Amino acid sequence: MAGIAAGIPHDERFHAPAAAPRPLLIIDDDATFVRVLARAMGSRGFEAITATNIDEARMLARRHQPRYCVLDLKLGEENGLRLIPELQALVPDMRVLLLTGYASIATAVEAIKRGAHDYLAKPVDADAVVRALLDGDGPAPDDDDVPDAPEAPLALRRLEWEHIQRVLTECDGNISETARRLGMHRRTLQRKLSKHPVRERPESED
């Protein structure tokens, strides 16, 4: 710190206001991802505190009252969607950004209905996270801001993915119950969930 301040006159050092860091709670069960994102967000003006499970997240939210939160959809066997209302009950003005590797229209709609302010599919970079957290900072979106379904018909495999995600959301992330409702084996469902969402091919490739 002395080296940084060495070229600044004494009076200016004394009176220079320090920029207040933005408190940010990062919740993800991937410890490496949490560490990397926390460091990146720290360099962008956020004061990151991290949790890798729901119980720890509740405790830190209660203790630190963070204004911002980055929350992963899948926390081990738990579903991050269930945590959104709890976090906002603890910190009413918290802005929650949901991150997930399972990009789905159903999940995005449900996240916003439960109080998330935005939704990003992994992989994401820190700048995209900053934009999502800060753009339009204000009250939670109303029903008119819920994403619309795409106008173009979805491919069969994409329709299957959306249906699976919808049932998974209804079951609060419970894999066994989702498999039972879908009439498929649990391992089959886990295999489908481990794959990236189906990407539509451009028409020129048909």
N, C-alpha and C. Protein backbone atom coordinates (compact mmCIF):
# COMPACT_ATOMS: atom_id res chain seq x y z
N MET A 1 0.83 -1.21 0.00
CA MET A 1 0.00 0.00 0.00
C MET A 1 0.86 1.25 0.00
N ALA A 2 2.00 1.23 0.74
CA ALA A 2 2.88 2.39 0.78
C ALA A 2 3.41 2.72 -0.59
N GLY A 3 3.72 1.67 -1.37
CA GLY A 3 4.25 1.89 -2.71
C GLY A 3 3.24 2.54 -3.61
N ILE A 4 1.95 2.16 -3.44
CA ILE A 4 0.92 2.73 -4.29
C ILE A 4 0.71 4.20 -3.98
N ALA A 5 0.78 4.56 -2.70
CA ALA A 5 0.49 5.94 -2.29
C ALA A 5 1.69 6.85 -2.34
N ALA A 6 2.87 6.33 -2.65
CA ALA A 6 4.10 7.10 -2.54
C ALA A 6 4.09 8.35 -3.40
N GLY A 7 3.47 8.32 -4.59
CA GLY A 7 3.51 9.46 -5.48
C GLY A 7 2.39 10.45 -5.26
N ILE A 8 1.56 10.25 -4.22
CA ILE A 8 0.42 11.13 -3.96
C ILE A 8 0.76 12.06 -2.81
N PRO A 9 0.57 13.39 -2.95
CA PRO A 9 0.82 14.32 -1.85
C PRO A 9 0.05 13.92 -0.61
N HIS A 10 0.62 14.24 0.56
CA HIS A 10 0.05 13.81 1.82
C HIS A 10 -1.41 14.25 1.99
N ASP A 11 -1.72 15.53 1.68
CA ASP A 11 -3.07 16.03 1.87
C ASP A 11 -4.07 15.30 0.98
N GLU A 12 -3.66 15.00 -0.27
CA GLU A 12 -4.56 14.32 -1.20
C GLU A 12 -4.80 12.89 -0.74
N ARG A 13 -3.76 12.25 -0.17
CA ARG A 13 -3.94 10.89 0.33
C ARG A 13 -4.95 10.90 1.46
N PHE A 14 -4.89 11.94 2.29
CA PHE A 14 -5.76 11.99 3.47
C PHE A 14 -7.22 12.23 3.08
N HIS A 15 -7.43 13.08 2.06
CA HIS A 15 -8.80 13.47 1.72
C HIS A 15 -9.41 12.64 0.59
N ALA A 16 -8.60 11.84 -0.12
CA ALA A 16 -9.13 11.11 -1.27
C ALA A 16 -10.18 10.10 -0.82
N PRO A 17 -11.41 10.20 -1.33
CA PRO A 17 -12.45 9.25 -0.93
C PRO A 17 -12.20 7.87 -1.53
N ALA A 18 -12.38 6.84 -0.74
CA ALA A 18 -12.22 5.48 -1.24
C ALA A 18 -13.55 5.01 -1.83
N ALA A 19 -13.50 4.40 -3.00
CA ALA A 19 -14.71 3.89 -3.63
C ALA A 19 -15.24 2.73 -2.80
N ALA A 20 -16.51 2.81 -2.45
CA ALA A 20 -17.10 1.76 -1.64
C ALA A 20 -17.32 0.51 -2.49
N PRO A 21 -16.79 -0.63 -2.08
CA PRO A 21 -17.00 -1.85 -2.85
C PRO A 21 -18.45 -2.31 -2.78
N ARG A 22 -18.91 -2.95 -3.81
CA ARG A 22 -20.27 -3.47 -3.85
C ARG A 22 -20.28 -4.88 -3.26
N PRO A 23 -21.02 -5.12 -2.20
CA PRO A 23 -21.04 -6.46 -1.59
C PRO A 23 -21.73 -7.47 -2.51
N LEU A 24 -21.08 -8.58 -2.77
CA LEU A 24 -21.58 -9.60 -3.70
C LEU A 24 -21.44 -10.98 -3.09
N LEU A 25 -22.53 -11.72 -3.05
CA LEU A 25 -22.52 -13.11 -2.58
C LEU A 25 -22.51 -14.03 -3.79
N ILE A 26 -21.49 -14.89 -3.89
CA ILE A 26 -21.38 -15.85 -4.98
C ILE A 26 -21.67 -17.24 -4.41
N ILE A 27 -22.65 -17.92 -4.99
CA ILE A 27 -23.07 -19.23 -4.50
C ILE A 27 -22.97 -20.25 -5.63
N ASP A 28 -22.03 -21.18 -5.50
CA ASP A 28 -21.82 -22.21 -6.51
C ASP A 28 -21.08 -23.37 -5.86
N ASP A 29 -21.44 -24.60 -6.20
CA ASP A 29 -20.78 -25.74 -5.57
C ASP A 29 -19.45 -26.10 -6.24
N ASP A 30 -19.09 -25.37 -7.29
CA ASP A 30 -17.80 -25.55 -7.95
C ASP A 30 -16.80 -24.58 -7.33
N ALA A 31 -15.95 -25.10 -6.43
CA ALA A 31 -15.03 -24.25 -5.67
C ALA A 31 -14.07 -23.49 -6.58
N THR A 32 -13.63 -24.12 -7.66
CA THR A 32 -12.70 -23.45 -8.58
C THR A 32 -13.38 -22.29 -9.28
N PHE A 33 -14.60 -22.52 -9.76
CA PHE A 33 -15.36 -21.44 -10.41
C PHE A 33 -15.59 -20.29 -9.45
N VAL A 34 -15.95 -20.61 -8.21
CA VAL A 34 -16.20 -19.58 -7.19
C VAL A 34 -14.95 -18.73 -6.97
N ARG A 35 -13.81 -19.40 -6.84
CA ARG A 35 -12.56 -18.68 -6.57
C ARG A 35 -12.20 -17.76 -7.74
N VAL A 36 -12.31 -18.26 -8.95
CA VAL A 36 -11.96 -17.47 -10.13
C VAL A 36 -12.90 -16.29 -10.30
N LEU A 37 -14.21 -16.53 -10.15
CA LEU A 37 -15.18 -15.45 -10.32
C LEU A 37 -15.03 -14.41 -9.22
N ALA A 38 -14.79 -14.85 -7.99
CA ALA A 38 -14.62 -13.91 -6.88
C ALA A 38 -13.44 -12.98 -7.13
N ARG A 39 -12.35 -13.54 -7.63
CA ARG A 39 -11.18 -12.72 -7.92
C ARG A 39 -11.47 -11.73 -9.04
N ALA A 40 -12.15 -12.20 -10.08
CA ALA A 40 -12.46 -11.33 -11.22
C ALA A 40 -13.42 -10.22 -10.81
N MET A 41 -14.41 -10.55 -9.99
CA MET A 41 -15.37 -9.54 -9.56
C MET A 41 -14.74 -8.56 -8.58
N GLY A 42 -13.77 -9.03 -7.79
CA GLY A 42 -13.05 -8.15 -6.89
C GLY A 42 -12.30 -7.07 -7.64
N SER A 43 -11.77 -7.42 -8.81
CA SER A 43 -11.04 -6.44 -9.61
C SER A 43 -11.98 -5.48 -10.34
N ARG A 44 -13.27 -5.75 -10.26
CA ARG A 44 -14.27 -4.91 -10.92
C ARG A 44 -15.13 -4.14 -9.93
N GLY A 45 -14.64 -3.98 -8.72
CA GLY A 45 -15.31 -3.12 -7.76
C GLY A 45 -16.30 -3.80 -6.83
N PHE A 46 -16.29 -5.14 -6.79
CA PHE A 46 -17.18 -5.87 -5.90
C PHE A 46 -16.38 -6.46 -4.74
N GLU A 47 -17.04 -6.56 -3.60
CA GLU A 47 -16.45 -7.24 -2.44
C GLU A 47 -17.12 -8.60 -2.34
N ALA A 48 -16.44 -9.63 -2.84
CA ALA A 48 -17.06 -10.94 -2.97
C ALA A 48 -16.93 -11.78 -1.70
N ILE A 49 -18.07 -12.35 -1.30
CA ILE A 49 -18.08 -13.39 -0.27
C ILE A 49 -18.66 -14.62 -0.95
N THR A 50 -18.19 -15.80 -0.57
CA THR A 50 -18.54 -16.99 -1.33
C THR A 50 -19.12 -18.10 -0.47
N ALA A 51 -20.01 -18.87 -1.07
CA ALA A 51 -20.61 -20.03 -0.42
C ALA A 51 -20.70 -21.16 -1.44
N THR A 52 -20.54 -22.39 -0.96
CA THR A 52 -20.61 -23.54 -1.86
C THR A 52 -21.81 -24.43 -1.55
N ASN A 53 -22.66 -24.02 -0.60
CA ASN A 53 -23.87 -24.78 -0.31
C ASN A 53 -24.94 -23.84 0.23
N ILE A 54 -26.16 -24.33 0.31
CA ILE A 54 -27.31 -23.50 0.68
C ILE A 54 -27.22 -23.00 2.11
N ASP A 55 -26.84 -23.87 3.05
CA ASP A 55 -26.77 -23.45 4.45
C ASP A 55 -25.76 -22.31 4.65
N GLU A 56 -24.60 -22.45 4.00
CA GLU A 56 -23.58 -21.41 4.09
C GLU A 56 -24.08 -20.11 3.45
N ALA A 57 -24.81 -20.24 2.35
CA ALA A 57 -25.34 -19.06 1.66
C ALA A 57 -26.32 -18.30 2.55
N ARG A 58 -27.20 -19.04 3.22
CA ARG A 58 -28.16 -18.39 4.12
C ARG A 58 -27.43 -17.62 5.23
N MET A 59 -26.43 -18.29 5.82
CA MET A 59 -25.70 -17.68 6.92
C MET A 59 -24.98 -16.40 6.49
N LEU A 60 -24.32 -16.45 5.32
CA LEU A 60 -23.58 -15.29 4.85
C LEU A 60 -24.52 -14.15 4.44
N ALA A 61 -25.66 -14.50 3.84
CA ALA A 61 -26.63 -13.46 3.47
C ALA A 61 -27.15 -12.76 4.71
N ARG A 62 -27.42 -13.53 5.74
CA ARG A 62 -27.92 -12.95 6.99
C ARG A 62 -26.87 -12.05 7.64
N ARG A 63 -25.62 -12.50 7.60
CA ARG A 63 -24.55 -11.77 8.28
C ARG A 63 -24.12 -10.53 7.52
N HIS A 64 -23.97 -10.63 6.19
CA HIS A 64 -23.37 -9.54 5.41
C HIS A 64 -24.39 -8.67 4.67
N GLN A 65 -25.63 -9.14 4.51
CA GLN A 65 -26.66 -8.36 3.81
C GLN A 65 -26.16 -7.86 2.45
N PRO A 66 -25.69 -8.74 1.58
CA PRO A 66 -25.13 -8.30 0.29
C PRO A 66 -26.21 -7.75 -0.64
N ARG A 67 -25.85 -6.73 -1.39
CA ARG A 67 -26.78 -6.11 -2.34
C ARG A 67 -26.92 -6.94 -3.60
N TYR A 68 -25.88 -7.71 -3.93
CA TYR A 68 -25.86 -8.49 -5.17
C TYR A 68 -25.58 -9.95 -4.88
N CYS A 69 -26.08 -10.82 -5.76
CA CYS A 69 -25.86 -12.26 -5.60
C CYS A 69 -25.76 -12.92 -6.96
N VAL A 70 -24.76 -13.79 -7.10
CA VAL A 70 -24.65 -14.67 -8.27
C VAL A 70 -24.92 -16.08 -7.77
N LEU A 71 -25.94 -16.71 -8.28
CA LEU A 71 -26.41 -18.00 -7.76
C LEU A 71 -26.44 -19.04 -8.87
N ASP A 72 -25.83 -20.19 -8.60
CA ASP A 72 -25.87 -21.28 -9.57
C ASP A 72 -27.16 -22.06 -9.41
N LEU A 73 -27.71 -22.53 -10.52
CA LEU A 73 -28.96 -23.29 -10.48
C LEU A 73 -28.80 -24.60 -9.72
N LYS A 74 -27.69 -25.30 -9.97
CA LYS A 74 -27.51 -26.63 -9.38
C LYS A 74 -26.46 -26.57 -8.29
N LEU A 75 -26.87 -26.83 -7.06
CA LEU A 75 -25.98 -26.82 -5.90
C LEU A 75 -25.96 -28.22 -5.31
N GLY A 76 -25.10 -29.08 -5.88
CA GLY A 76 -25.10 -30.49 -5.48
C GLY A 76 -26.43 -31.11 -5.86
N GLU A 77 -27.13 -31.65 -4.86
CA GLU A 77 -28.45 -32.22 -5.10
C GLU A 77 -29.57 -31.19 -4.93
N GLU A 78 -29.20 -29.97 -4.56
CA GLU A 78 -30.19 -28.92 -4.32
C GLU A 78 -30.41 -28.07 -5.57
N ASN A 79 -31.58 -27.43 -5.62
CA ASN A 79 -31.93 -26.56 -6.73
C ASN A 79 -31.85 -25.10 -6.27
N GLY A 80 -31.01 -24.32 -6.94
CA GLY A 80 -30.82 -22.93 -6.55
C GLY A 80 -32.08 -22.09 -6.64
N LEU A 81 -33.03 -22.48 -7.49
CA LEU A 81 -34.27 -21.72 -7.61
C LEU A 81 -34.99 -21.60 -6.27
N ARG A 82 -34.89 -22.64 -5.47
CA ARG A 82 -35.59 -22.65 -4.17
C ARG A 82 -35.00 -21.62 -3.21
N LEU A 83 -33.75 -21.25 -3.45
CA LEU A 83 -33.07 -20.33 -2.55
C LEU A 83 -33.40 -18.86 -2.81
N ILE A 84 -33.85 -18.54 -4.02
CA ILE A 84 -34.07 -17.14 -4.39
C ILE A 84 -35.03 -16.42 -3.45
N PRO A 85 -36.23 -16.96 -3.19
CA PRO A 85 -37.14 -16.25 -2.27
C PRO A 85 -36.58 -16.13 -0.86
N GLU A 86 -35.82 -17.14 -0.41
CA GLU A 86 -35.22 -17.08 0.93
C GLU A 86 -34.20 -15.96 1.02
N LEU A 87 -33.36 -15.84 0.00
CA LEU A 87 -32.35 -14.78 0.00
C LEU A 87 -33.00 -13.41 0.01
N GLN A 88 -34.04 -13.25 -0.77
CA GLN A 88 -34.67 -11.94 -0.85
C GLN A 88 -35.52 -11.63 0.38
N ALA A 89 -35.91 -12.67 1.12
CA ALA A 89 -36.56 -12.42 2.41
C ALA A 89 -35.54 -11.92 3.42
N LEU A 90 -34.30 -12.43 3.32
CA LEU A 90 -33.23 -11.99 4.21
C LEU A 90 -32.71 -10.61 3.83
N VAL A 91 -32.62 -10.35 2.51
CA VAL A 91 -32.13 -9.06 2.00
C VAL A 91 -33.11 -8.60 0.92
N PRO A 92 -34.15 -7.85 1.29
CA PRO A 92 -35.24 -7.51 0.37
C PRO A 92 -34.81 -6.84 -0.93
N ASP A 93 -33.73 -6.04 -0.92
CA ASP A 93 -33.34 -5.35 -2.15
C ASP A 93 -32.22 -6.07 -2.90
N MET A 94 -31.97 -7.33 -2.57
CA MET A 94 -30.89 -8.08 -3.24
C MET A 94 -31.23 -8.32 -4.71
N ARG A 95 -30.23 -8.09 -5.57
CA ARG A 95 -30.36 -8.43 -6.99
C ARG A 95 -29.72 -9.79 -7.20
N VAL A 96 -30.51 -10.75 -7.69
CA VAL A 96 -30.03 -12.13 -7.87
C VAL A 96 -29.86 -12.42 -9.35
N LEU A 97 -28.66 -12.86 -9.71
CA LEU A 97 -28.37 -13.31 -11.07
C LEU A 97 -28.20 -14.83 -11.03
N LEU A 98 -29.04 -15.55 -11.76
CA LEU A 98 -28.97 -17.01 -11.79
C LEU A 98 -28.06 -17.45 -12.93
N LEU A 99 -27.10 -18.31 -12.61
CA LEU A 99 -26.23 -18.89 -13.63
C LEU A 99 -26.52 -20.39 -13.73
N THR A 100 -26.47 -20.92 -14.94
CA THR A 100 -26.68 -22.35 -15.10
C THR A 100 -26.09 -22.86 -16.40
N GLY A 101 -25.67 -24.10 -16.38
CA GLY A 101 -25.21 -24.76 -17.59
C GLY A 101 -26.37 -25.38 -18.36
N TYR A 102 -27.55 -25.39 -17.73
CA TYR A 102 -28.73 -25.99 -18.34
C TYR A 102 -29.63 -24.90 -18.92
N ALA A 103 -29.22 -24.33 -20.05
CA ALA A 103 -29.99 -23.24 -20.64
C ALA A 103 -31.37 -23.72 -21.04
N SER A 104 -32.39 -23.08 -20.52
CA SER A 104 -33.75 -23.52 -20.77
C SER A 104 -34.72 -22.36 -20.62
N ILE A 105 -35.68 -22.27 -21.54
CA ILE A 105 -36.69 -21.24 -21.45
C ILE A 105 -37.49 -21.39 -20.17
N ALA A 106 -37.86 -22.64 -19.85
CA ALA A 106 -38.66 -22.89 -18.65
C ALA A 106 -37.93 -22.45 -17.39
N THR A 107 -36.63 -22.73 -17.33
CA THR A 107 -35.85 -22.34 -16.16
C THR A 107 -35.74 -20.82 -16.07
N ALA A 108 -35.52 -20.17 -17.19
CA ALA A 108 -35.41 -18.71 -17.19
C ALA A 108 -36.70 -18.06 -16.70
N VAL A 109 -37.83 -18.54 -17.19
CA VAL A 109 -39.12 -17.99 -16.78
C VAL A 109 -39.34 -18.22 -15.29
N GLU A 110 -39.05 -19.44 -14.82
CA GLU A 110 -39.27 -19.76 -13.41
C GLU A 110 -38.35 -18.95 -12.51
N ALA A 111 -37.10 -18.74 -12.95
CA ALA A 111 -36.15 -17.95 -12.16
C ALA A 111 -36.67 -16.53 -11.95
N ILE A 112 -37.18 -15.92 -13.00
CA ILE A 112 -37.68 -14.55 -12.91
C ILE A 112 -38.96 -14.50 -12.07
N LYS A 113 -39.82 -15.52 -12.22
CA LYS A 113 -41.03 -15.56 -11.40
C LYS A 113 -40.69 -15.64 -9.92
N ARG A 114 -39.60 -16.33 -9.60
CA ARG A 114 -39.22 -16.50 -8.20
C ARG A 114 -38.44 -15.31 -7.65
N GLY A 115 -38.12 -14.35 -8.51
CA GLY A 115 -37.49 -13.13 -8.01
C GLY A 115 -36.11 -12.82 -8.54
N ALA A 116 -35.55 -13.68 -9.41
CA ALA A 116 -34.25 -13.37 -10.00
C ALA A 116 -34.38 -12.15 -10.91
N HIS A 117 -33.33 -11.33 -10.97
CA HIS A 117 -33.36 -10.13 -11.81
C HIS A 117 -32.82 -10.41 -13.21
N ASP A 118 -32.04 -11.47 -13.33
CA ASP A 118 -31.51 -11.82 -14.65
C ASP A 118 -31.07 -13.28 -14.61
N TYR A 119 -30.72 -13.78 -15.79
CA TYR A 119 -30.42 -15.20 -15.97
C TYR A 119 -29.37 -15.32 -17.08
N LEU A 120 -28.29 -16.01 -16.80
CA LEU A 120 -27.25 -16.22 -17.81
C LEU A 120 -26.88 -17.69 -17.87
N ALA A 121 -26.66 -18.19 -19.08
CA ALA A 121 -26.22 -19.58 -19.25
C ALA A 121 -24.70 -19.63 -19.25
N LYS A 122 -24.14 -20.59 -18.55
CA LYS A 122 -22.69 -20.79 -18.55
C LYS A 122 -22.26 -21.34 -19.90
N PRO A 123 -21.01 -21.12 -20.30
CA PRO A 123 -20.00 -20.32 -19.59
C PRO A 123 -20.23 -18.82 -19.76
N VAL A 124 -19.88 -18.05 -18.74
CA VAL A 124 -19.99 -16.60 -18.80
C VAL A 124 -18.66 -15.98 -18.40
N ASP A 125 -18.44 -14.74 -18.83
CA ASP A 125 -17.24 -14.04 -18.35
C ASP A 125 -17.66 -13.00 -17.33
N ALA A 126 -16.69 -12.49 -16.60
CA ALA A 126 -16.97 -11.56 -15.50
C ALA A 126 -17.65 -10.29 -15.98
N ASP A 127 -17.29 -9.81 -17.16
CA ASP A 127 -17.90 -8.58 -17.67
C ASP A 127 -19.39 -8.77 -17.92
N ALA A 128 -19.77 -9.96 -18.42
CA ALA A 128 -21.18 -10.24 -18.64
C ALA A 128 -21.93 -10.29 -17.32
N VAL A 129 -21.29 -10.84 -16.30
CA VAL A 129 -21.90 -10.89 -14.97
C VAL A 129 -22.10 -9.48 -14.41
N VAL A 130 -21.09 -8.64 -14.57
CA VAL A 130 -21.19 -7.25 -14.09
C VAL A 130 -22.35 -6.53 -14.79
N ARG A 131 -22.44 -6.68 -16.11
CA ARG A 131 -23.52 -6.01 -16.85
C ARG A 131 -24.89 -6.49 -16.36
N ALA A 132 -25.01 -7.80 -16.15
CA ALA A 132 -26.29 -8.35 -15.72
C ALA A 132 -26.66 -7.87 -14.31
N LEU A 133 -25.66 -7.72 -13.45
CA LEU A 133 -25.94 -7.27 -12.09
C LEU A 133 -26.28 -5.79 -12.01
N LEU A 134 -25.65 -4.98 -12.84
CA LEU A 134 -25.79 -3.53 -12.72
C LEU A 134 -26.77 -2.89 -13.69
N ASP A 135 -26.96 -3.48 -14.87
CA ASP A 135 -27.86 -2.86 -15.85
C ASP A 135 -29.29 -2.85 -15.33
N GLY A 136 -29.91 -1.68 -15.37
CA GLY A 136 -31.28 -1.56 -14.92
C GLY A 136 -31.44 -1.82 -13.45
N ASP A 137 -30.41 -1.50 -12.67
CA ASP A 137 -30.47 -1.74 -11.23
C ASP A 137 -31.70 -1.03 -10.65
N GLY A 138 -32.59 -1.80 -10.07
CA GLY A 138 -33.83 -1.24 -9.54
C GLY A 138 -34.77 -2.33 -9.12
N PRO A 139 -36.06 -2.08 -9.07
CA PRO A 139 -37.04 -3.07 -8.62
C PRO A 139 -37.05 -4.31 -9.51
N ALA A 140 -37.48 -5.41 -8.97
CA ALA A 140 -37.57 -6.66 -9.72
C ALA A 140 -38.51 -6.48 -10.90
N PRO A 141 -38.24 -7.18 -12.01
CA PRO A 141 -39.08 -7.03 -13.19
C PRO A 141 -40.50 -7.54 -12.93
N ASP A 142 -41.49 -6.94 -13.64
CA ASP A 142 -42.84 -7.42 -13.48
C ASP A 142 -43.12 -8.50 -14.50
N ASP A 143 -44.38 -8.94 -14.56
CA ASP A 143 -44.72 -10.07 -15.42
C ASP A 143 -44.43 -9.79 -16.89
N ASP A 144 -44.48 -8.50 -17.29
CA ASP A 144 -44.23 -8.18 -18.69
C ASP A 144 -42.80 -8.44 -19.10
N ASP A 145 -41.88 -8.59 -18.11
CA ASP A 145 -40.47 -8.80 -18.42
C ASP A 145 -40.09 -10.27 -18.51
N VAL A 146 -41.05 -11.16 -18.28
CA VAL A 146 -40.75 -12.60 -18.39
C VAL A 146 -40.46 -12.92 -19.85
N PRO A 147 -39.37 -13.66 -20.15
CA PRO A 147 -39.03 -13.95 -21.53
C PRO A 147 -40.15 -14.65 -22.28
N ASP A 148 -40.35 -14.24 -23.52
CA ASP A 148 -41.36 -14.88 -24.36
C ASP A 148 -40.80 -16.16 -24.96
N ALA A 149 -41.68 -17.07 -25.29
CA ALA A 149 -41.26 -18.28 -26.00
C ALA A 149 -40.86 -17.89 -27.42
N PRO A 150 -39.92 -18.61 -28.02
CA PRO A 150 -39.49 -18.28 -29.39
C PRO A 150 -40.63 -18.49 -30.37
N GLU A 151 -40.64 -17.63 -31.41
CA GLU A 151 -41.70 -17.73 -32.41
C GLU A 151 -41.51 -18.95 -33.31
N ALA A 152 -40.27 -19.28 -33.65
CA ALA A 152 -40.01 -20.40 -34.54
C ALA A 152 -40.22 -21.72 -33.81
N PRO A 153 -40.73 -22.75 -34.50
CA PRO A 153 -40.90 -24.06 -33.87
C PRO A 153 -39.56 -24.61 -33.40
N LEU A 154 -39.58 -25.31 -32.27
CA LEU A 154 -38.35 -25.90 -31.76
C LEU A 154 -38.17 -27.31 -32.31
N ALA A 155 -36.92 -27.72 -32.49
CA ALA A 155 -36.62 -29.07 -32.94
C ALA A 155 -37.08 -30.07 -31.89
N LEU A 156 -37.31 -31.32 -32.31
CA LEU A 156 -37.84 -32.34 -31.42
C LEU A 156 -36.97 -32.53 -30.18
N ARG A 157 -35.64 -32.60 -30.38
CA ARG A 157 -34.76 -32.81 -29.23
C ARG A 157 -34.78 -31.60 -28.30
N ARG A 158 -34.90 -30.41 -28.87
CA ARG A 158 -34.98 -29.21 -28.03
C ARG A 158 -36.30 -29.21 -27.24
N LEU A 159 -37.39 -29.65 -27.89
CA LEU A 159 -38.67 -29.74 -27.19
C LEU A 159 -38.57 -30.71 -26.01
N GLU A 160 -37.88 -31.83 -26.23
CA GLU A 160 -37.69 -32.79 -25.14
C GLU A 160 -36.91 -32.14 -24.00
N TRP A 161 -35.84 -31.40 -24.35
CA TRP A 161 -35.04 -30.72 -23.33
C TRP A 161 -35.88 -29.74 -22.52
N GLU A 162 -36.70 -28.94 -23.21
CA GLU A 162 -37.54 -27.97 -22.53
C GLU A 162 -38.56 -28.66 -21.62
N HIS A 163 -39.10 -29.78 -22.10
CA HIS A 163 -40.08 -30.53 -21.28
C HIS A 163 -39.41 -31.08 -20.03
N ILE A 164 -38.22 -31.65 -20.19
CA ILE A 164 -37.49 -32.18 -19.04
C ILE A 164 -37.22 -31.06 -18.04
N GLN A 165 -36.77 -29.90 -18.51
CA GLN A 165 -36.46 -28.78 -17.63
C GLN A 165 -37.70 -28.28 -16.91
N ARG A 166 -38.83 -28.28 -17.60
CA ARG A 166 -40.08 -27.83 -16.98
C ARG A 166 -40.49 -28.77 -15.84
N VAL A 167 -40.41 -30.07 -16.10
CA VAL A 167 -40.77 -31.04 -15.06
C VAL A 167 -39.77 -30.99 -13.91
N LEU A 168 -38.49 -30.84 -14.23
CA LEU A 168 -37.46 -30.74 -13.21
C LEU A 168 -37.71 -29.55 -12.30
N THR A 169 -38.12 -28.43 -12.90
CA THR A 169 -38.43 -27.24 -12.11
C THR A 169 -39.64 -27.48 -11.22
N GLU A 170 -40.65 -28.13 -11.76
CA GLU A 170 -41.85 -28.44 -10.96
C GLU A 170 -41.52 -29.34 -9.77
N CYS A 171 -40.48 -30.18 -9.94
CA CYS A 171 -40.08 -31.10 -8.88
C CYS A 171 -38.99 -30.50 -7.99
N ASP A 172 -38.75 -29.19 -8.11
CA ASP A 172 -37.74 -28.49 -7.31
C ASP A 172 -36.37 -29.14 -7.42
N GLY A 173 -36.03 -29.62 -8.62
CA GLY A 173 -34.71 -30.17 -8.86
C GLY A 173 -34.52 -31.61 -8.41
N ASN A 174 -35.57 -32.26 -7.95
CA ASN A 174 -35.47 -33.66 -7.49
C ASN A 174 -35.39 -34.58 -8.70
N ILE A 175 -34.20 -35.18 -8.90
CA ILE A 175 -33.96 -36.02 -10.08
C ILE A 175 -34.85 -37.26 -10.07
N SER A 176 -34.95 -37.92 -8.93
CA SER A 176 -35.73 -39.17 -8.85
C SER A 176 -37.19 -38.93 -9.17
N GLU A 177 -37.78 -37.87 -8.58
CA GLU A 177 -39.18 -37.57 -8.83
C GLU A 177 -39.40 -37.15 -10.28
N THR A 178 -38.45 -36.38 -10.83
CA THR A 178 -38.57 -35.98 -12.24
C THR A 178 -38.54 -37.19 -13.15
N ALA A 179 -37.63 -38.12 -12.89
CA ALA A 179 -37.54 -39.35 -13.70
C ALA A 179 -38.84 -40.15 -13.60
N ARG A 180 -39.39 -40.22 -12.40
CA ARG A 180 -40.65 -40.96 -12.22
C ARG A 180 -41.77 -40.33 -13.04
N ARG A 181 -41.88 -38.99 -12.99
CA ARG A 181 -42.95 -38.31 -13.74
C ARG A 181 -42.77 -38.44 -15.24
N LEU A 182 -41.50 -38.47 -15.66
CA LEU A 182 -41.21 -38.57 -17.10
C LEU A 182 -41.27 -40.01 -17.59
N GLY A 183 -41.33 -40.96 -16.65
CA GLY A 183 -41.38 -42.37 -17.03
C GLY A 183 -40.08 -42.89 -17.59
N MET A 184 -38.96 -42.39 -17.08
CA MET A 184 -37.65 -42.87 -17.54
C MET A 184 -36.77 -43.22 -16.34
N HIS A 185 -35.73 -43.99 -16.60
CA HIS A 185 -34.82 -44.38 -15.53
C HIS A 185 -34.02 -43.17 -15.07
N ARG A 186 -33.69 -43.13 -13.77
CA ARG A 186 -32.93 -42.01 -13.22
C ARG A 186 -31.61 -41.80 -13.96
N ARG A 187 -30.91 -42.91 -14.27
CA ARG A 187 -29.61 -42.79 -14.96
C ARG A 187 -29.79 -42.21 -16.36
N THR A 188 -30.89 -42.58 -17.01
CA THR A 188 -31.17 -42.03 -18.34
C THR A 188 -31.37 -40.52 -18.26
N LEU A 189 -32.13 -40.09 -17.26
CA LEU A 189 -32.36 -38.66 -17.08
C LEU A 189 -31.06 -37.93 -16.77
N GLN A 190 -30.25 -38.49 -15.89
CA GLN A 190 -28.97 -37.85 -15.56
C GLN A 190 -28.08 -37.74 -16.78
N ARG A 191 -28.12 -38.75 -17.65
CA ARG A 191 -27.31 -38.70 -18.87
C ARG A 191 -27.79 -37.58 -19.79
N LYS A 192 -29.10 -37.41 -19.90
CA LYS A 192 -29.65 -36.34 -20.73
C LYS A 192 -29.30 -34.97 -20.15
N LEU A 193 -29.35 -34.85 -18.83
CA LEU A 193 -29.05 -33.57 -18.20
C LEU A 193 -27.58 -33.21 -18.29
N SER A 194 -26.73 -34.21 -18.43
CA SER A 194 -25.28 -33.94 -18.48
C SER A 194 -24.85 -33.37 -19.82
N LYS A 195 -25.73 -33.48 -20.82
CA LYS A 195 -25.41 -32.97 -22.15
C LYS A 195 -25.80 -31.51 -22.24
N HIS A 196 -25.10 -30.77 -23.12
CA HIS A 196 -25.46 -29.37 -23.34
C HIS A 196 -26.78 -29.30 -24.08
N PRO A 197 -27.56 -28.24 -23.89
CA PRO A 197 -28.81 -28.09 -24.62
C PRO A 197 -28.59 -28.17 -26.12
N VAL A 198 -29.57 -28.70 -26.81
CA VAL A 198 -29.46 -28.85 -28.26
C VAL A 198 -29.40 -27.49 -28.92
N ARG A 199 -28.45 -27.30 -29.79
CA ARG A 199 -28.33 -26.04 -30.53
C ARG A 199 -29.00 -26.20 -31.90
N GLU A 200 -29.77 -25.20 -32.30
CA GLU A 200 -30.42 -25.25 -33.60
C GLU A 200 -29.40 -24.95 -34.70
N ARG A 201 -29.43 -25.74 -35.77
CA ARG A 201 -28.51 -25.48 -36.88
C ARG A 201 -29.08 -24.37 -37.76
N PRO A 202 -28.20 -23.49 -38.28
CA PRO A 202 -28.69 -22.46 -39.22
C PRO A 202 -29.34 -23.11 -40.42
N GLU A 203 -30.32 -22.43 -40.99
CA GLU A 203 -31.03 -22.99 -42.14
C GLU A 203 -30.12 -23.32 -43.30
N SER A 204 -29.04 -22.56 -43.44
CA SER A 204 -28.12 -22.77 -44.56
C SER A 204 -27.43 -24.11 -44.48
N GLU A 205 -27.40 -24.75 -43.28
CA GLU A 205 -26.74 -26.03 -43.14
C GLU A 205 -27.66 -27.19 -43.46
N ASP A 206 -28.97 -26.94 -43.61
CA ASP A 206 -29.92 -28.02 -43.87
C ASP A 206 -29.71 -28.60 -45.26
